[in-house]
């Protein structure tokens, strides 16, 4: 009964698309950085990304609050963060990339918590 519900189909579709997108970004970040920047900048930004990605766990209390009190909004926030980090990654500036890295780490926490 629950598996055939529209809510279940929405959850499966939502999670599949966002997790696939998030994993694609994580796997291709170095190639994306290499296409925008050169030399030491790529290495420095890659190190920043590697450092920031696990720090998304610090957003766990906020994620728990969002999922507990505002369940429907958690999907909207997750989608908005995904769009926002996509836009930031498209801008070939180091500061924009760092903002995207922070958003990705928080978005990753929220995306996997929704599942």
N, C-alpha and C. Protein backbone atom coordinates (compact mmCIF):
# COMPACT_ATOMS: atom_id res chain seq x y z
N UNK A 1 0.83 -1.19 0.00
CA UNK A 1 0.00 0.00 0.00
C UNK A 1 0.88 1.26 0.00
N UNK A 2 1.80 1.33 0.93
CA UNK A 2 2.65 2.53 1.04
C UNK A 2 3.59 2.66 -0.16
N UNK A 3 4.03 1.53 -0.70
CA UNK A 3 4.96 1.57 -1.83
C UNK A 3 4.29 2.12 -3.08
N UNK A 4 3.00 1.97 -3.19
CA UNK A 4 2.27 2.45 -4.36
C UNK A 4 1.78 3.89 -4.22
N UNK A 5 2.06 4.51 -3.10
CA UNK A 5 1.55 5.86 -2.86
C UNK A 5 2.36 6.90 -3.65
N UNK A 6 1.74 8.02 -3.98
CA UNK A 6 2.47 9.10 -4.67
C UNK A 6 3.59 9.68 -3.82
N UNK A 7 3.42 9.70 -2.50
CA UNK A 7 4.47 10.22 -1.63
C UNK A 7 5.74 9.37 -1.74
N UNK A 8 5.57 8.06 -1.81
CA UNK A 8 6.72 7.16 -1.92
C UNK A 8 7.43 7.38 -3.27
N UNK A 9 6.65 7.50 -4.33
CA UNK A 9 7.23 7.74 -5.66
C UNK A 9 7.99 9.07 -5.67
N UNK A 10 7.42 10.08 -5.03
CA UNK A 10 8.09 11.38 -4.95
C UNK A 10 9.40 11.27 -4.19
N UNK A 11 9.38 10.58 -3.06
CA UNK A 11 10.59 10.42 -2.24
C UNK A 11 11.67 9.68 -3.01
N UNK A 12 11.31 8.60 -3.68
CA UNK A 12 12.28 7.83 -4.43
C UNK A 12 12.88 8.67 -5.56
N UNK A 13 12.03 9.37 -6.28
CA UNK A 13 12.51 10.20 -7.39
C UNK A 13 13.39 11.34 -6.88
N UNK A 14 12.94 12.01 -5.84
CA UNK A 14 13.68 13.12 -5.25
C UNK A 14 15.07 12.66 -4.80
N UNK A 15 15.10 11.60 -4.04
CA UNK A 15 16.38 11.12 -3.50
C UNK A 15 17.30 10.61 -4.60
N UNK A 16 16.74 9.89 -5.57
CA UNK A 16 17.56 9.35 -6.65
C UNK A 16 18.24 10.47 -7.45
N UNK A 17 17.48 11.48 -7.79
CA UNK A 17 18.03 12.58 -8.59
C UNK A 17 19.05 13.38 -7.79
N UNK A 18 18.71 13.75 -6.56
CA UNK A 18 19.63 14.59 -5.79
C UNK A 18 20.89 13.84 -5.37
N UNK A 19 20.76 12.57 -5.02
CA UNK A 19 21.95 11.80 -4.64
C UNK A 19 22.85 11.57 -5.85
N UNK A 20 22.24 11.27 -7.00
CA UNK A 20 23.02 11.11 -8.22
C UNK A 20 23.75 12.40 -8.57
N UNK A 21 23.06 13.51 -8.48
CA UNK A 21 23.67 14.82 -8.79
C UNK A 21 24.79 15.15 -7.82
N UNK A 22 24.54 14.92 -6.54
CA UNK A 22 25.55 15.22 -5.52
C UNK A 22 26.79 14.35 -5.72
N UNK A 23 26.61 13.08 -5.97
CA UNK A 23 27.75 12.20 -6.19
C UNK A 23 28.51 12.56 -7.47
N UNK A 24 27.79 12.99 -8.50
CA UNK A 24 28.44 13.43 -9.73
C UNK A 24 29.33 14.64 -9.46
N UNK A 25 28.84 15.59 -8.69
CA UNK A 25 29.62 16.78 -8.37
C UNK A 25 30.86 16.40 -7.57
N UNK A 26 30.69 15.55 -6.58
CA UNK A 26 31.82 15.15 -5.74
C UNK A 26 32.88 14.42 -6.57
N UNK A 27 32.42 13.58 -7.50
CA UNK A 27 33.37 12.81 -8.32
C UNK A 27 34.09 13.67 -9.37
N UNK A 28 33.47 14.73 -9.83
CA UNK A 28 34.05 15.50 -10.93
C UNK A 28 34.57 16.87 -10.51
N UNK A 29 34.62 17.13 -9.23
CA UNK A 29 35.02 18.48 -8.79
C UNK A 29 36.44 18.83 -9.24
N UNK A 30 37.36 17.87 -9.20
CA UNK A 30 38.73 18.18 -9.61
C UNK A 30 38.81 18.51 -11.10
N UNK A 31 38.07 17.78 -11.92
CA UNK A 31 38.05 18.07 -13.36
C UNK A 31 37.41 19.44 -13.63
N UNK A 32 36.38 19.76 -12.89
CA UNK A 32 35.74 21.07 -13.05
C UNK A 32 36.69 22.19 -12.64
N UNK A 33 37.38 21.98 -11.54
CA UNK A 33 38.33 23.00 -11.09
C UNK A 33 39.46 23.17 -12.11
N UNK A 34 39.94 22.06 -12.68
CA UNK A 34 41.02 22.13 -13.67
C UNK A 34 40.59 22.87 -14.93
N UNK A 35 39.30 22.83 -15.24
CA UNK A 35 38.84 23.54 -16.43
C UNK A 35 38.71 25.05 -16.18
N UNK A 36 38.55 25.44 -14.94
CA UNK A 36 38.42 26.86 -14.60
C UNK A 36 39.73 27.52 -14.21
N UNK A 37 40.58 26.78 -13.52
CA UNK A 37 41.78 27.36 -12.92
C UNK A 37 43.02 26.62 -13.40
N UNK A 38 44.17 27.12 -13.02
CA UNK A 38 45.41 26.46 -13.40
C UNK A 38 46.35 26.35 -12.21
N UNK A 39 47.27 25.42 -12.32
CA UNK A 39 48.37 25.28 -11.37
C UNK A 39 47.97 25.06 -9.93
N UNK A 40 48.57 25.87 -9.07
CA UNK A 40 48.43 25.70 -7.63
C UNK A 40 47.01 25.99 -7.15
N UNK A 41 46.28 26.81 -7.88
CA UNK A 41 44.91 27.15 -7.47
C UNK A 41 44.04 25.92 -7.44
N UNK A 42 44.20 25.04 -8.41
CA UNK A 42 43.42 23.80 -8.46
C UNK A 42 43.70 22.95 -7.22
N UNK A 43 44.98 22.80 -6.89
CA UNK A 43 45.36 22.02 -5.72
C UNK A 43 44.84 22.62 -4.42
N UNK A 44 44.91 23.93 -4.31
CA UNK A 44 44.43 24.59 -3.10
C UNK A 44 42.91 24.45 -2.96
N UNK A 45 42.19 24.66 -4.05
CA UNK A 45 40.73 24.53 -3.98
C UNK A 45 40.31 23.08 -3.75
N UNK A 46 41.05 22.15 -4.31
CA UNK A 46 40.76 20.73 -4.07
C UNK A 46 40.97 20.38 -2.60
N UNK A 47 42.01 20.93 -2.00
CA UNK A 47 42.26 20.71 -0.58
C UNK A 47 41.15 21.34 0.28
N UNK A 48 40.71 22.53 -0.09
CA UNK A 48 39.61 23.17 0.63
C UNK A 48 38.35 22.31 0.54
N UNK A 49 38.06 21.80 -0.65
CA UNK A 49 36.88 20.94 -0.83
C UNK A 49 36.99 19.68 0.02
N UNK A 50 38.15 19.04 -0.01
CA UNK A 50 38.36 17.81 0.77
C UNK A 50 38.24 18.07 2.27
N UNK A 51 38.59 19.25 2.70
CA UNK A 51 38.50 19.60 4.11
C UNK A 51 37.06 19.94 4.51
N UNK A 52 36.36 20.66 3.66
CA UNK A 52 35.01 21.12 3.99
C UNK A 52 33.95 20.02 3.89
N UNK A 53 34.15 19.06 3.00
CA UNK A 53 33.11 18.06 2.76
C UNK A 53 32.70 17.30 4.03
N UNK A 54 33.63 16.78 4.81
CA UNK A 54 33.18 16.08 6.03
C UNK A 54 32.66 17.01 7.13
N UNK A 55 32.95 18.30 7.04
CA UNK A 55 32.51 19.24 8.06
C UNK A 55 31.01 19.55 7.98
N UNK A 56 30.35 19.03 6.96
CA UNK A 56 28.91 19.19 6.86
C UNK A 56 28.18 18.55 8.01
N UNK A 57 28.84 17.64 8.70
CA UNK A 57 28.26 17.00 9.88
C UNK A 57 27.93 17.99 10.98
N UNK A 58 28.59 19.14 10.97
CA UNK A 58 28.27 20.16 11.97
C UNK A 58 26.89 20.76 11.75
N UNK A 59 26.32 20.53 10.57
CA UNK A 59 24.97 21.00 10.28
C UNK A 59 23.91 20.00 10.75
N UNK A 60 24.34 18.91 11.38
CA UNK A 60 23.40 17.86 11.81
C UNK A 60 22.32 18.38 12.76
N UNK A 61 22.62 19.21 13.74
CA UNK A 61 21.54 19.70 14.61
C UNK A 61 20.50 20.52 13.83
N UNK A 62 20.95 21.34 12.91
CA UNK A 62 20.03 22.12 12.10
C UNK A 62 19.21 21.20 11.18
N UNK A 63 19.86 20.19 10.65
CA UNK A 63 19.17 19.21 9.81
C UNK A 63 18.11 18.47 10.61
N UNK A 64 18.47 18.06 11.80
CA UNK A 64 17.51 17.34 12.66
C UNK A 64 16.31 18.22 13.00
N UNK A 65 16.57 19.47 13.30
CA UNK A 65 15.48 20.41 13.60
C UNK A 65 14.57 20.59 12.38
N UNK A 66 15.18 20.77 11.24
CA UNK A 66 14.41 20.96 10.01
C UNK A 66 13.56 19.72 9.70
N UNK A 67 14.13 18.54 9.84
CA UNK A 67 13.39 17.32 9.55
C UNK A 67 12.31 17.03 10.60
N UNK A 68 12.56 17.42 11.83
CA UNK A 68 11.60 17.16 12.90
C UNK A 68 10.41 18.11 12.86
N UNK A 69 10.67 19.38 12.68
CA UNK A 69 9.61 20.39 12.79
C UNK A 69 9.03 20.84 11.44
N UNK A 70 9.85 20.78 10.42
CA UNK A 70 9.43 21.31 9.12
C UNK A 70 9.74 20.31 8.01
N UNK A 71 9.16 19.14 8.11
CA UNK A 71 9.47 18.04 7.20
C UNK A 71 9.30 18.43 5.73
N UNK A 72 8.19 19.06 5.39
CA UNK A 72 7.96 19.44 4.00
C UNK A 72 8.97 20.48 3.52
N UNK A 73 9.34 21.38 4.40
CA UNK A 73 10.30 22.41 4.02
C UNK A 73 11.70 21.83 3.81
N UNK A 74 11.99 20.71 4.45
CA UNK A 74 13.32 20.12 4.30
C UNK A 74 13.60 19.74 2.85
N UNK A 75 12.58 19.26 2.13
CA UNK A 75 12.75 18.93 0.72
C UNK A 75 13.01 20.19 -0.10
N UNK A 76 12.29 21.23 0.20
CA UNK A 76 12.46 22.49 -0.53
C UNK A 76 13.83 23.10 -0.27
N UNK A 77 14.25 23.06 0.98
CA UNK A 77 15.57 23.59 1.33
C UNK A 77 16.66 22.78 0.63
N UNK A 78 16.51 21.47 0.63
CA UNK A 78 17.50 20.60 -0.02
C UNK A 78 17.58 20.91 -1.52
N UNK A 79 16.45 21.06 -2.16
CA UNK A 79 16.43 21.38 -3.58
C UNK A 79 17.01 22.77 -3.84
N UNK A 80 16.68 23.74 -2.99
CA UNK A 80 17.22 25.10 -3.15
C UNK A 80 18.74 25.11 -2.98
N UNK A 81 19.24 24.36 -2.00
CA UNK A 81 20.69 24.28 -1.81
C UNK A 81 21.36 23.64 -3.02
N UNK A 82 20.72 22.64 -3.58
CA UNK A 82 21.26 21.97 -4.76
C UNK A 82 21.35 22.92 -5.95
N UNK A 83 20.33 23.70 -6.15
CA UNK A 83 20.35 24.69 -7.24
C UNK A 83 21.41 25.75 -6.96
N UNK A 84 21.49 26.18 -5.71
CA UNK A 84 22.45 27.23 -5.35
C UNK A 84 23.89 26.77 -5.54
N UNK A 85 24.23 25.56 -5.11
CA UNK A 85 25.61 25.14 -5.30
C UNK A 85 25.90 24.88 -6.78
N UNK A 86 24.90 24.50 -7.55
CA UNK A 86 25.09 24.36 -8.99
C UNK A 86 25.42 25.69 -9.65
N UNK A 87 24.72 26.74 -9.23
CA UNK A 87 25.00 28.07 -9.77
C UNK A 87 26.39 28.56 -9.35
N UNK A 88 26.75 28.32 -8.10
CA UNK A 88 28.06 28.75 -7.62
C UNK A 88 29.20 28.01 -8.34
N UNK A 89 28.99 26.73 -8.62
CA UNK A 89 30.02 25.96 -9.32
C UNK A 89 30.20 26.42 -10.77
N UNK A 90 29.19 27.05 -11.33
CA UNK A 90 29.27 27.49 -12.73
C UNK A 90 30.05 28.79 -12.89
N UNK A 91 30.33 29.46 -11.78
CA UNK A 91 31.06 30.74 -11.84
C UNK A 91 32.55 30.46 -11.64
N UNK A 92 33.39 30.86 -12.59
CA UNK A 92 34.82 30.55 -12.50
C UNK A 92 35.61 31.50 -11.61
N UNK A 93 35.19 31.61 -10.37
CA UNK A 93 35.90 32.43 -9.38
C UNK A 93 36.15 31.56 -8.15
N UNK A 94 37.29 31.73 -7.52
CA UNK A 94 37.66 30.91 -6.37
C UNK A 94 36.69 31.11 -5.21
N UNK A 95 36.27 32.35 -4.95
CA UNK A 95 35.38 32.58 -3.82
C UNK A 95 34.01 31.92 -4.06
N UNK A 96 33.56 31.92 -5.29
CA UNK A 96 32.29 31.26 -5.62
C UNK A 96 32.41 29.74 -5.43
N UNK A 97 33.55 29.20 -5.78
CA UNK A 97 33.77 27.76 -5.61
C UNK A 97 33.77 27.38 -4.12
N UNK A 98 34.38 28.21 -3.30
CA UNK A 98 34.43 27.93 -1.86
C UNK A 98 33.03 28.01 -1.25
N UNK A 99 32.24 28.98 -1.67
CA UNK A 99 30.85 29.06 -1.22
C UNK A 99 30.10 27.79 -1.64
N UNK A 100 30.33 27.34 -2.86
CA UNK A 100 29.69 26.11 -3.33
C UNK A 100 30.12 24.92 -2.48
N UNK A 101 31.38 24.86 -2.10
CA UNK A 101 31.87 23.75 -1.28
C UNK A 101 31.18 23.70 0.08
N UNK A 102 30.98 24.86 0.68
CA UNK A 102 30.27 24.92 1.96
C UNK A 102 28.83 24.46 1.79
N UNK A 103 28.18 24.94 0.74
CA UNK A 103 26.79 24.55 0.49
C UNK A 103 26.70 23.07 0.20
N UNK A 104 27.65 22.52 -0.55
CA UNK A 104 27.64 21.09 -0.86
C UNK A 104 27.75 20.26 0.42
N UNK A 105 28.62 20.67 1.33
CA UNK A 105 28.79 19.89 2.55
C UNK A 105 27.52 19.88 3.40
N UNK A 106 26.83 21.01 3.46
CA UNK A 106 25.56 21.08 4.21
C UNK A 106 24.46 20.34 3.46
N UNK A 107 24.42 20.53 2.15
CA UNK A 107 23.40 19.86 1.33
C UNK A 107 23.55 18.35 1.39
N UNK A 108 24.78 17.89 1.41
CA UNK A 108 25.05 16.45 1.50
C UNK A 108 24.48 15.87 2.80
N UNK A 109 24.70 16.57 3.88
CA UNK A 109 24.17 16.15 5.18
C UNK A 109 22.64 16.06 5.13
N UNK A 110 22.00 17.08 4.60
CA UNK A 110 20.55 17.13 4.53
C UNK A 110 20.00 16.07 3.58
N UNK A 111 20.63 15.91 2.42
CA UNK A 111 20.16 14.94 1.43
C UNK A 111 20.19 13.53 1.99
N UNK A 112 21.26 13.14 2.61
CA UNK A 112 21.35 11.78 3.15
C UNK A 112 20.51 11.61 4.40
N UNK A 113 20.21 12.67 5.10
CA UNK A 113 19.33 12.57 6.28
C UNK A 113 17.87 12.40 5.89
N UNK A 114 17.49 12.98 4.76
CA UNK A 114 16.11 12.85 4.29
C UNK A 114 15.77 11.40 3.98
N UNK A 115 16.75 10.69 3.43
CA UNK A 115 16.53 9.28 3.08
C UNK A 115 16.21 8.52 4.33
